[in-house]
Amino acid sequence: MNKIPVIIKREYLSRVKKKSFLITTILLPLGIFLLIGGVVFFTMKSKSETKVGIIDDTQEYFGQMKKDSKSFALSQVSLKENESIEALASRTDNEIILRIYAAQPPIIDSVKAMSESSISMSAQDFLNDEIQTIYRKKLLSEAGINKLLVDSLDSAELPFISRSFTEKVTNTGI
């Protein structure tokens, strides 16, 4: 029984003195940390504004869109006669062209986003949220619903009370 501590001590010292032990316990975690830090650094540094050109057939949506976004630069563009979307994008230096179709302005028919490469999820979400918000407000105003009332309903919250089963129920005023 006295030999077990001696064996453990010998095994421990023989493993700790190996170079592989030093590499795996010190350098490997440090390398992983530096790799993750490098990815985060270059990702943050490479973020730039995505230029979005908007063709608004309704003549209403572009004026209501948020133009102060840090990630997206919005500009209104128009097609020249017989010009393709690709030619417009290169002429105006826009990465995405958003077309708001309206056969009978100001009634919107559809919305289409076009790009030479795939459109990022953040760009799709931003543009969809902008269009949906404006469309929703327009429908509410056409229905005669007060915008201030709708905004106050959006911000209204119901009080949420949490308690355990063993706690006695008291009057909470609800």
N, C-alpha and C. Protein backbone atom coordinates (compact mmCIF):
# COMPACT_ATOMS: atom_id res chain seq x y z
N MET A 1 0.82 -1.19 0.00
CA MET A 1 0.00 0.00 0.00
C MET A 1 0.86 1.25 0.00
N ASN A 2 2.06 1.16 0.55
CA ASN A 2 2.95 2.33 0.60
C ASN A 2 3.52 2.65 -0.77
N LYS A 3 3.44 1.74 -1.72
CA LYS A 3 4.03 1.95 -3.04
C LYS A 3 3.14 2.76 -3.96
N ILE A 4 1.85 2.85 -3.67
CA ILE A 4 0.92 3.57 -4.55
C ILE A 4 1.29 5.05 -4.65
N PRO A 5 1.56 5.78 -3.56
CA PRO A 5 1.96 7.19 -3.70
C PRO A 5 3.26 7.34 -4.49
N VAL A 6 4.19 6.42 -4.36
CA VAL A 6 5.46 6.48 -5.09
C VAL A 6 5.20 6.29 -6.58
N ILE A 7 4.33 5.36 -6.92
CA ILE A 7 4.00 5.11 -8.33
C ILE A 7 3.29 6.34 -8.93
N ILE A 8 2.35 6.91 -8.20
CA ILE A 8 1.63 8.10 -8.67
C ILE A 8 2.59 9.26 -8.89
N LYS A 9 3.52 9.47 -7.96
CA LYS A 9 4.50 10.54 -8.06
C LYS A 9 5.38 10.34 -9.29
N ARG A 10 5.84 9.12 -9.50
CA ARG A 10 6.71 8.83 -10.65
C ARG A 10 5.97 9.04 -11.97
N GLU A 11 4.74 8.56 -12.07
CA GLU A 11 3.94 8.72 -13.30
C GLU A 11 3.67 10.20 -13.57
N TYR A 12 3.33 10.92 -12.53
CA TYR A 12 3.04 12.35 -12.68
C TYR A 12 4.28 13.08 -13.19
N LEU A 13 5.41 12.86 -12.56
CA LEU A 13 6.64 13.55 -12.96
C LEU A 13 7.09 13.14 -14.36
N SER A 14 6.91 11.89 -14.73
CA SER A 14 7.32 11.45 -16.08
C SER A 14 6.43 12.09 -17.14
N ARG A 15 5.16 12.33 -16.84
CA ARG A 15 4.25 12.95 -17.81
C ARG A 15 4.45 14.47 -17.88
N VAL A 16 4.66 15.13 -16.76
CA VAL A 16 4.82 16.58 -16.74
C VAL A 16 6.11 17.01 -17.42
N LYS A 17 7.14 16.23 -17.36
CA LYS A 17 8.43 16.60 -17.96
C LYS A 17 8.44 16.47 -19.48
N LYS A 18 7.43 15.86 -20.07
CA LYS A 18 7.37 15.71 -21.52
C LYS A 18 7.01 17.06 -22.17
N LYS A 19 7.54 17.29 -23.38
CA LYS A 19 7.24 18.52 -24.11
C LYS A 19 5.78 18.54 -24.55
N SER A 20 5.22 17.40 -24.86
CA SER A 20 3.83 17.36 -25.30
C SER A 20 2.89 17.85 -24.21
N PHE A 21 3.21 17.59 -22.95
CA PHE A 21 2.40 18.08 -21.85
C PHE A 21 2.42 19.60 -21.80
N LEU A 22 3.59 20.19 -21.95
CA LEU A 22 3.71 21.65 -21.94
C LEU A 22 2.95 22.27 -23.11
N ILE A 23 3.06 21.64 -24.28
CA ILE A 23 2.37 22.18 -25.46
C ILE A 23 0.86 22.13 -25.28
N THR A 24 0.35 21.00 -24.83
CA THR A 24 -1.10 20.87 -24.73
C THR A 24 -1.70 21.68 -23.59
N THR A 25 -0.99 21.91 -22.52
CA THR A 25 -1.57 22.63 -21.39
C THR A 25 -1.35 24.13 -21.46
N ILE A 26 -0.32 24.58 -22.15
CA ILE A 26 -0.04 26.03 -22.19
C ILE A 26 -0.25 26.61 -23.59
N LEU A 27 0.42 26.06 -24.57
CA LEU A 27 0.41 26.66 -25.89
C LEU A 27 -0.89 26.43 -26.65
N LEU A 28 -1.51 25.28 -26.51
CA LEU A 28 -2.73 24.99 -27.24
C LEU A 28 -3.88 25.93 -26.83
N PRO A 29 -4.16 26.11 -25.54
CA PRO A 29 -5.21 27.07 -25.18
C PRO A 29 -4.87 28.50 -25.59
N LEU A 30 -3.60 28.86 -25.49
CA LEU A 30 -3.19 30.20 -25.92
C LEU A 30 -3.40 30.37 -27.43
N GLY A 31 -3.06 29.34 -28.19
CA GLY A 31 -3.26 29.38 -29.64
C GLY A 31 -4.73 29.49 -30.02
N ILE A 32 -5.57 28.76 -29.33
CA ILE A 32 -7.01 28.82 -29.59
C ILE A 32 -7.54 30.22 -29.27
N PHE A 33 -7.11 30.79 -28.15
CA PHE A 33 -7.52 32.14 -27.76
C PHE A 33 -7.09 33.15 -28.82
N LEU A 34 -5.86 33.06 -29.30
CA LEU A 34 -5.37 33.99 -30.32
C LEU A 34 -6.12 33.81 -31.65
N LEU A 35 -6.44 32.59 -32.00
CA LEU A 35 -7.19 32.33 -33.23
C LEU A 35 -8.58 32.95 -33.16
N ILE A 36 -9.28 32.75 -32.07
CA ILE A 36 -10.61 33.32 -31.90
C ILE A 36 -10.52 34.85 -31.88
N GLY A 37 -9.53 35.39 -31.19
CA GLY A 37 -9.35 36.84 -31.15
C GLY A 37 -9.08 37.41 -32.53
N GLY A 38 -8.28 36.70 -33.32
CA GLY A 38 -7.99 37.15 -34.69
C GLY A 38 -9.22 37.16 -35.56
N VAL A 39 -10.05 36.13 -35.45
CA VAL A 39 -11.28 36.06 -36.23
C VAL A 39 -12.21 37.21 -35.85
N VAL A 40 -12.37 37.46 -34.56
CA VAL A 40 -13.23 38.55 -34.10
C VAL A 40 -12.68 39.89 -34.58
N PHE A 41 -11.38 40.10 -34.47
CA PHE A 41 -10.75 41.36 -34.89
C PHE A 41 -10.97 41.63 -36.37
N PHE A 42 -10.69 40.64 -37.21
CA PHE A 42 -10.84 40.85 -38.65
C PHE A 42 -12.29 40.96 -39.08
N THR A 43 -13.19 40.30 -38.37
CA THR A 43 -14.60 40.43 -38.66
C THR A 43 -15.09 41.83 -38.34
N MET A 44 -14.69 42.36 -37.19
CA MET A 44 -15.09 43.71 -36.80
C MET A 44 -14.48 44.75 -37.73
N LYS A 45 -13.25 44.53 -38.15
CA LYS A 45 -12.57 45.49 -39.01
C LYS A 45 -13.13 45.49 -40.42
N SER A 46 -13.59 44.34 -40.89
CA SER A 46 -14.07 44.23 -42.27
C SER A 46 -15.50 44.71 -42.46
N LYS A 47 -16.21 44.99 -41.38
CA LYS A 47 -17.58 45.44 -41.51
C LYS A 47 -17.60 46.84 -42.11
N SER A 48 -18.37 46.99 -43.15
CA SER A 48 -18.52 48.29 -43.78
C SER A 48 -19.98 48.47 -44.16
N GLU A 49 -20.29 49.65 -44.60
CA GLU A 49 -21.66 49.91 -45.01
C GLU A 49 -21.98 49.18 -46.31
N THR A 50 -23.15 48.58 -46.33
CA THR A 50 -23.65 47.97 -47.55
C THR A 50 -24.47 49.04 -48.25
N LYS A 51 -24.12 49.32 -49.49
CA LYS A 51 -24.82 50.35 -50.25
C LYS A 51 -26.05 49.74 -50.92
N VAL A 52 -27.20 50.34 -50.62
CA VAL A 52 -28.47 49.84 -51.13
C VAL A 52 -29.12 50.94 -51.97
N GLY A 53 -29.34 50.64 -53.23
CA GLY A 53 -30.07 51.55 -54.11
C GLY A 53 -31.53 51.16 -54.14
N ILE A 54 -32.41 52.15 -54.00
CA ILE A 54 -33.84 51.86 -53.91
C ILE A 54 -34.57 52.51 -55.09
N ILE A 55 -35.27 51.69 -55.84
CA ILE A 55 -36.14 52.17 -56.92
C ILE A 55 -37.55 52.11 -56.34
N ASP A 56 -38.12 53.26 -56.05
CA ASP A 56 -39.42 53.34 -55.39
C ASP A 56 -40.48 53.81 -56.38
N ASP A 57 -41.24 52.87 -56.93
CA ASP A 57 -42.31 53.21 -57.87
C ASP A 57 -43.46 53.92 -57.18
N THR A 58 -43.61 53.74 -55.84
CA THR A 58 -44.71 54.37 -55.11
C THR A 58 -44.41 55.82 -54.77
N GLN A 59 -43.16 56.20 -54.76
CA GLN A 59 -42.70 57.55 -54.37
C GLN A 59 -43.04 57.87 -52.91
N GLU A 60 -43.27 56.84 -52.08
CA GLU A 60 -43.60 57.06 -50.67
C GLU A 60 -42.67 56.34 -49.71
N TYR A 61 -42.22 55.17 -50.08
CA TYR A 61 -41.48 54.32 -49.14
C TYR A 61 -40.09 54.85 -48.85
N PHE A 62 -39.36 55.28 -49.86
CA PHE A 62 -37.98 55.72 -49.63
C PHE A 62 -37.93 56.88 -48.64
N GLY A 63 -38.86 57.79 -48.73
CA GLY A 63 -38.89 58.94 -47.82
C GLY A 63 -39.10 58.56 -46.37
N GLN A 64 -39.69 57.41 -46.11
CA GLN A 64 -39.98 56.99 -44.74
C GLN A 64 -38.95 56.00 -44.18
N MET A 65 -38.01 55.57 -45.01
CA MET A 65 -37.03 54.58 -44.56
C MET A 65 -35.94 55.24 -43.73
N LYS A 66 -35.37 54.49 -42.78
CA LYS A 66 -34.27 54.97 -41.93
C LYS A 66 -33.00 55.05 -42.76
N LYS A 67 -32.45 56.24 -42.87
CA LYS A 67 -31.24 56.40 -43.65
C LYS A 67 -30.00 56.56 -42.78
N ASP A 68 -30.17 56.50 -41.45
CA ASP A 68 -29.06 56.70 -40.52
C ASP A 68 -28.52 55.40 -39.94
N SER A 69 -28.70 54.30 -40.65
CA SER A 69 -28.20 53.01 -40.20
C SER A 69 -26.69 52.96 -40.34
N LYS A 70 -26.02 52.32 -39.37
CA LYS A 70 -24.55 52.20 -39.41
C LYS A 70 -24.11 51.14 -40.41
N SER A 71 -24.96 50.20 -40.72
CA SER A 71 -24.58 49.09 -41.57
C SER A 71 -25.03 49.24 -43.02
N PHE A 72 -26.00 50.12 -43.26
CA PHE A 72 -26.57 50.24 -44.60
C PHE A 72 -26.66 51.70 -45.01
N ALA A 73 -26.21 51.98 -46.23
CA ALA A 73 -26.33 53.31 -46.81
C ALA A 73 -27.39 53.25 -47.89
N LEU A 74 -28.51 53.94 -47.66
CA LEU A 74 -29.62 53.90 -48.59
C LEU A 74 -29.58 55.11 -49.51
N SER A 75 -29.85 54.89 -50.79
CA SER A 75 -29.94 55.99 -51.75
C SER A 75 -31.02 55.66 -52.76
N GLN A 76 -31.71 56.70 -53.21
CA GLN A 76 -32.75 56.49 -54.20
C GLN A 76 -32.12 56.55 -55.58
N VAL A 77 -32.44 55.57 -56.41
CA VAL A 77 -31.90 55.49 -57.77
C VAL A 77 -33.06 55.29 -58.73
N SER A 78 -32.78 55.53 -60.00
CA SER A 78 -33.80 55.30 -61.01
C SER A 78 -33.16 54.69 -62.24
N LEU A 79 -33.93 53.87 -62.91
CA LEU A 79 -33.47 53.21 -64.12
C LEU A 79 -33.56 54.16 -65.30
N LYS A 80 -32.53 54.17 -66.12
CA LYS A 80 -32.61 54.89 -67.38
C LYS A 80 -33.37 54.00 -68.37
N GLU A 81 -33.76 54.55 -69.48
CA GLU A 81 -34.52 53.79 -70.46
C GLU A 81 -33.69 52.62 -70.98
N ASN A 82 -34.29 51.44 -70.97
CA ASN A 82 -33.67 50.18 -71.43
C ASN A 82 -32.41 49.80 -70.64
N GLU A 83 -32.32 50.21 -69.39
CA GLU A 83 -31.16 49.88 -68.56
C GLU A 83 -31.49 48.66 -67.70
N SER A 84 -30.54 47.75 -67.58
CA SER A 84 -30.75 46.57 -66.75
C SER A 84 -30.40 46.90 -65.30
N ILE A 85 -30.86 46.04 -64.40
CA ILE A 85 -30.57 46.21 -62.97
C ILE A 85 -29.07 46.10 -62.72
N GLU A 86 -28.39 45.18 -63.41
CA GLU A 86 -26.94 45.01 -63.25
C GLU A 86 -26.20 46.28 -63.66
N ALA A 87 -26.62 46.90 -64.76
CA ALA A 87 -25.98 48.13 -65.22
C ALA A 87 -26.23 49.26 -64.23
N LEU A 88 -27.44 49.32 -63.69
CA LEU A 88 -27.76 50.33 -62.68
C LEU A 88 -26.90 50.16 -61.44
N ALA A 89 -26.74 48.92 -60.98
CA ALA A 89 -25.94 48.65 -59.79
C ALA A 89 -24.49 49.08 -59.99
N SER A 90 -23.93 48.78 -61.14
CA SER A 90 -22.53 49.16 -61.39
C SER A 90 -22.40 50.66 -61.62
N ARG A 91 -23.38 51.28 -62.26
CA ARG A 91 -23.34 52.74 -62.50
C ARG A 91 -23.42 53.51 -61.19
N THR A 92 -24.24 53.04 -60.25
CA THR A 92 -24.44 53.75 -58.99
C THR A 92 -23.58 53.21 -57.85
N ASP A 93 -22.80 52.17 -58.10
CA ASP A 93 -21.92 51.56 -57.10
C ASP A 93 -22.70 51.02 -55.91
N ASN A 94 -23.88 50.45 -56.16
CA ASN A 94 -24.69 49.84 -55.11
C ASN A 94 -24.51 48.33 -55.13
N GLU A 95 -24.44 47.74 -53.93
CA GLU A 95 -24.30 46.29 -53.82
C GLU A 95 -25.65 45.59 -53.92
N ILE A 96 -26.71 46.28 -53.46
CA ILE A 96 -28.06 45.72 -53.50
C ILE A 96 -28.98 46.74 -54.15
N ILE A 97 -29.86 46.27 -55.00
CA ILE A 97 -30.90 47.12 -55.57
C ILE A 97 -32.23 46.60 -55.04
N LEU A 98 -32.99 47.47 -54.38
CA LEU A 98 -34.31 47.13 -53.84
C LEU A 98 -35.34 47.80 -54.72
N ARG A 99 -36.19 47.01 -55.33
CA ARG A 99 -37.21 47.56 -56.23
C ARG A 99 -38.56 47.41 -55.56
N ILE A 100 -39.26 48.53 -55.39
CA ILE A 100 -40.60 48.55 -54.83
C ILE A 100 -41.55 48.78 -56.00
N TYR A 101 -42.26 47.73 -56.38
CA TYR A 101 -43.13 47.77 -57.55
C TYR A 101 -44.51 48.33 -57.18
N ALA A 102 -45.05 49.15 -58.08
CA ALA A 102 -46.39 49.67 -57.91
C ALA A 102 -46.99 49.89 -59.29
N ALA A 103 -47.99 49.10 -59.66
CA ALA A 103 -48.64 49.28 -60.95
C ALA A 103 -49.47 50.55 -60.94
N GLN A 104 -50.11 50.80 -59.79
CA GLN A 104 -50.90 52.01 -59.61
C GLN A 104 -50.45 52.69 -58.32
N PRO A 105 -49.43 53.56 -58.39
CA PRO A 105 -48.93 54.22 -57.18
C PRO A 105 -50.06 54.93 -56.45
N PRO A 106 -50.08 54.97 -55.16
CA PRO A 106 -49.08 54.51 -54.20
C PRO A 106 -49.33 53.11 -53.68
N ILE A 107 -50.16 52.31 -54.35
CA ILE A 107 -50.44 50.95 -53.90
C ILE A 107 -49.27 50.05 -54.30
N ILE A 108 -48.68 49.41 -53.31
CA ILE A 108 -47.51 48.56 -53.54
C ILE A 108 -47.95 47.18 -54.02
N ASP A 109 -47.27 46.69 -55.04
CA ASP A 109 -47.56 45.36 -55.56
C ASP A 109 -46.64 44.31 -54.96
N SER A 110 -45.34 44.57 -55.03
CA SER A 110 -44.36 43.63 -54.50
C SER A 110 -43.04 44.36 -54.29
N VAL A 111 -42.14 43.66 -53.63
CA VAL A 111 -40.80 44.18 -53.36
C VAL A 111 -39.81 43.10 -53.74
N LYS A 112 -38.73 43.52 -54.41
CA LYS A 112 -37.72 42.56 -54.84
C LYS A 112 -36.35 43.14 -54.56
N ALA A 113 -35.50 42.37 -53.89
CA ALA A 113 -34.11 42.76 -53.63
C ALA A 113 -33.22 41.94 -54.54
N MET A 114 -32.30 42.64 -55.24
CA MET A 114 -31.42 41.97 -56.19
C MET A 114 -29.97 42.35 -55.89
N SER A 115 -29.09 41.38 -56.09
CA SER A 115 -27.67 41.61 -55.85
C SER A 115 -26.86 40.67 -56.75
N GLU A 116 -25.63 41.07 -57.02
CA GLU A 116 -24.76 40.22 -57.83
C GLU A 116 -24.42 38.94 -57.09
N SER A 117 -24.20 39.03 -55.80
CA SER A 117 -23.95 37.85 -54.96
C SER A 117 -25.17 37.65 -54.06
N SER A 118 -25.08 36.71 -53.15
CA SER A 118 -26.21 36.48 -52.25
C SER A 118 -26.33 37.63 -51.26
N ILE A 119 -27.54 37.91 -50.86
CA ILE A 119 -27.82 39.00 -49.93
C ILE A 119 -27.74 38.45 -48.51
N SER A 120 -27.00 39.14 -47.65
CA SER A 120 -26.80 38.66 -46.28
C SER A 120 -28.13 38.66 -45.52
N MET A 121 -28.17 37.84 -44.49
CA MET A 121 -29.38 37.75 -43.66
C MET A 121 -29.66 39.07 -42.96
N SER A 122 -28.61 39.77 -42.52
CA SER A 122 -28.83 41.05 -41.85
C SER A 122 -29.42 42.07 -42.81
N ALA A 123 -28.97 42.07 -44.08
CA ALA A 123 -29.53 42.98 -45.07
C ALA A 123 -30.98 42.63 -45.36
N GLN A 124 -31.27 41.34 -45.51
CA GLN A 124 -32.65 40.91 -45.75
C GLN A 124 -33.56 41.32 -44.60
N ASP A 125 -33.09 41.10 -43.37
CA ASP A 125 -33.89 41.45 -42.19
C ASP A 125 -34.13 42.96 -42.11
N PHE A 126 -33.06 43.74 -42.32
CA PHE A 126 -33.18 45.20 -42.25
C PHE A 126 -34.18 45.71 -43.28
N LEU A 127 -34.01 45.31 -44.53
CA LEU A 127 -34.88 45.80 -45.59
C LEU A 127 -36.32 45.32 -45.41
N ASN A 128 -36.50 44.07 -45.01
CA ASN A 128 -37.84 43.53 -44.77
C ASN A 128 -38.52 44.27 -43.62
N ASP A 129 -37.79 44.51 -42.53
CA ASP A 129 -38.37 45.23 -41.39
C ASP A 129 -38.79 46.64 -41.78
N GLU A 130 -37.94 47.32 -42.55
CA GLU A 130 -38.27 48.68 -42.99
C GLU A 130 -39.54 48.71 -43.82
N ILE A 131 -39.61 47.85 -44.82
CA ILE A 131 -40.78 47.82 -45.71
C ILE A 131 -42.04 47.42 -44.94
N GLN A 132 -41.93 46.37 -44.10
CA GLN A 132 -43.10 45.90 -43.35
C GLN A 132 -43.62 46.96 -42.38
N THR A 133 -42.71 47.69 -41.73
CA THR A 133 -43.11 48.73 -40.79
C THR A 133 -43.87 49.85 -41.50
N ILE A 134 -43.34 50.30 -42.62
CA ILE A 134 -43.99 51.36 -43.39
C ILE A 134 -45.34 50.89 -43.92
N TYR A 135 -45.38 49.66 -44.43
CA TYR A 135 -46.62 49.09 -44.97
C TYR A 135 -47.68 48.98 -43.88
N ARG A 136 -47.28 48.52 -42.70
CA ARG A 136 -48.22 48.36 -41.58
C ARG A 136 -48.79 49.72 -41.15
N LYS A 137 -47.91 50.72 -41.04
CA LYS A 137 -48.37 52.06 -40.64
C LYS A 137 -49.33 52.63 -41.69
N LYS A 138 -49.04 52.38 -42.95
CA LYS A 138 -49.90 52.87 -44.03
C LYS A 138 -51.28 52.22 -43.95
N LEU A 139 -51.33 50.91 -43.73
CA LEU A 139 -52.61 50.22 -43.61
C LEU A 139 -53.40 50.72 -42.41
N LEU A 140 -52.73 50.95 -41.29
CA LEU A 140 -53.41 51.45 -40.10
C LEU A 140 -53.98 52.84 -40.32
N SER A 141 -53.21 53.70 -40.98
CA SER A 141 -53.71 55.06 -41.22
C SER A 141 -54.88 55.05 -42.21
N GLU A 142 -54.82 54.17 -43.21
CA GLU A 142 -55.94 54.06 -44.15
C GLU A 142 -57.20 53.54 -43.46
N ALA A 143 -57.03 52.73 -42.43
CA ALA A 143 -58.17 52.20 -41.68
C ALA A 143 -58.70 53.21 -40.66
N GLY A 144 -58.02 54.35 -40.54
CA GLY A 144 -58.47 55.39 -39.62
C GLY A 144 -58.05 55.17 -38.19
N ILE A 145 -57.06 54.33 -37.98
CA ILE A 145 -56.58 54.06 -36.63
C ILE A 145 -55.48 55.05 -36.29
N ASN A 146 -55.58 55.66 -35.12
CA ASN A 146 -54.63 56.67 -34.69
C ASN A 146 -53.25 56.05 -34.47
N LYS A 147 -52.23 56.62 -35.10
CA LYS A 147 -50.86 56.11 -35.00
C LYS A 147 -50.34 56.18 -33.57
N LEU A 148 -50.65 57.25 -32.85
CA LEU A 148 -50.20 57.38 -31.46
C LEU A 148 -50.81 56.30 -30.58
N LEU A 149 -52.05 55.97 -30.83
CA LEU A 149 -52.71 54.90 -30.07
C LEU A 149 -52.04 53.56 -30.33
N VAL A 150 -51.74 53.28 -31.59
CA VAL A 150 -51.07 52.02 -31.94
C VAL A 150 -49.69 51.96 -31.31
N ASP A 151 -48.95 53.07 -31.37
CA ASP A 151 -47.61 53.11 -30.77
C ASP A 151 -47.69 52.90 -29.27
N SER A 152 -48.71 53.46 -28.61
CA SER A 152 -48.85 53.27 -27.16
C SER A 152 -49.22 51.83 -26.84
N LEU A 153 -49.99 51.18 -27.72
CA LEU A 153 -50.33 49.78 -27.50
C LEU A 153 -49.11 48.88 -27.69
N ASP A 154 -48.24 49.25 -28.63
CA ASP A 154 -47.01 48.47 -28.84
C ASP A 154 -46.11 48.51 -27.62
N SER A 155 -46.11 49.64 -26.90
CA SER A 155 -45.22 49.76 -25.75
C SER A 155 -45.88 49.35 -24.43
N ALA A 156 -47.17 49.06 -24.44
CA ALA A 156 -47.87 48.67 -23.22
C ALA A 156 -47.42 47.28 -22.78
N GLU A 157 -47.25 47.12 -21.47
CA GLU A 157 -46.81 45.83 -20.93
C GLU A 157 -47.74 45.40 -19.80
N LEU A 158 -47.99 44.14 -19.74
CA LEU A 158 -48.78 43.55 -18.67
C LEU A 158 -47.83 43.17 -17.55
N PRO A 159 -48.15 43.52 -16.30
CA PRO A 159 -47.24 43.14 -15.21
C PRO A 159 -47.16 41.62 -15.05
N PHE A 160 -45.98 41.12 -14.87
CA PHE A 160 -45.74 39.69 -14.73
C PHE A 160 -45.28 39.42 -13.32
N ILE A 161 -45.99 38.54 -12.62
CA ILE A 161 -45.67 38.24 -11.23
C ILE A 161 -45.22 36.79 -11.14
N SER A 162 -44.13 36.56 -10.46
CA SER A 162 -43.58 35.23 -10.31
C SER A 162 -43.59 34.87 -8.82
N ARG A 163 -44.02 33.66 -8.52
CA ARG A 163 -44.02 33.21 -7.14
C ARG A 163 -43.91 31.70 -7.11
N SER A 164 -43.56 31.16 -5.97
CA SER A 164 -43.47 29.71 -5.82
C SER A 164 -44.82 29.16 -5.40
N PHE A 165 -44.99 27.86 -5.51
CA PHE A 165 -46.26 27.22 -5.14
C PHE A 165 -46.53 27.30 -3.65
N THR A 166 -45.47 27.32 -2.84
CA THR A 166 -45.65 27.30 -1.40
C THR A 166 -45.94 28.68 -0.84
N GLU A 167 -45.72 29.71 -1.62
CA GLU A 167 -45.94 31.08 -1.17
C GLU A 167 -47.44 31.35 -1.08
N LYS A 168 -47.86 32.09 -0.04
CA LYS A 168 -49.27 32.42 0.11
C LYS A 168 -49.64 33.47 -0.92
N VAL A 169 -50.83 33.32 -1.47
CA VAL A 169 -51.32 34.26 -2.48
C VAL A 169 -51.83 35.49 -1.73
N THR A 170 -51.32 36.66 -2.16
CA THR A 170 -51.79 37.91 -1.59
C THR A 170 -52.41 38.74 -2.70
N ASN A 171 -53.15 39.74 -2.32
CA ASN A 171 -53.78 40.61 -3.31
C ASN A 171 -52.69 41.43 -3.99
N THR A 172 -52.57 41.29 -5.32
CA THR A 172 -51.52 42.01 -6.05
C THR A 172 -52.06 43.23 -6.75
N GLY A 173 -53.34 43.48 -6.63
CA GLY A 173 -53.92 44.66 -7.25
C GLY A 173 -54.35 44.46 -8.69
N ILE A 174 -54.30 43.24 -9.14
CA ILE A 174 -54.72 42.98 -10.53
C ILE A 174 -56.12 42.46 -10.53
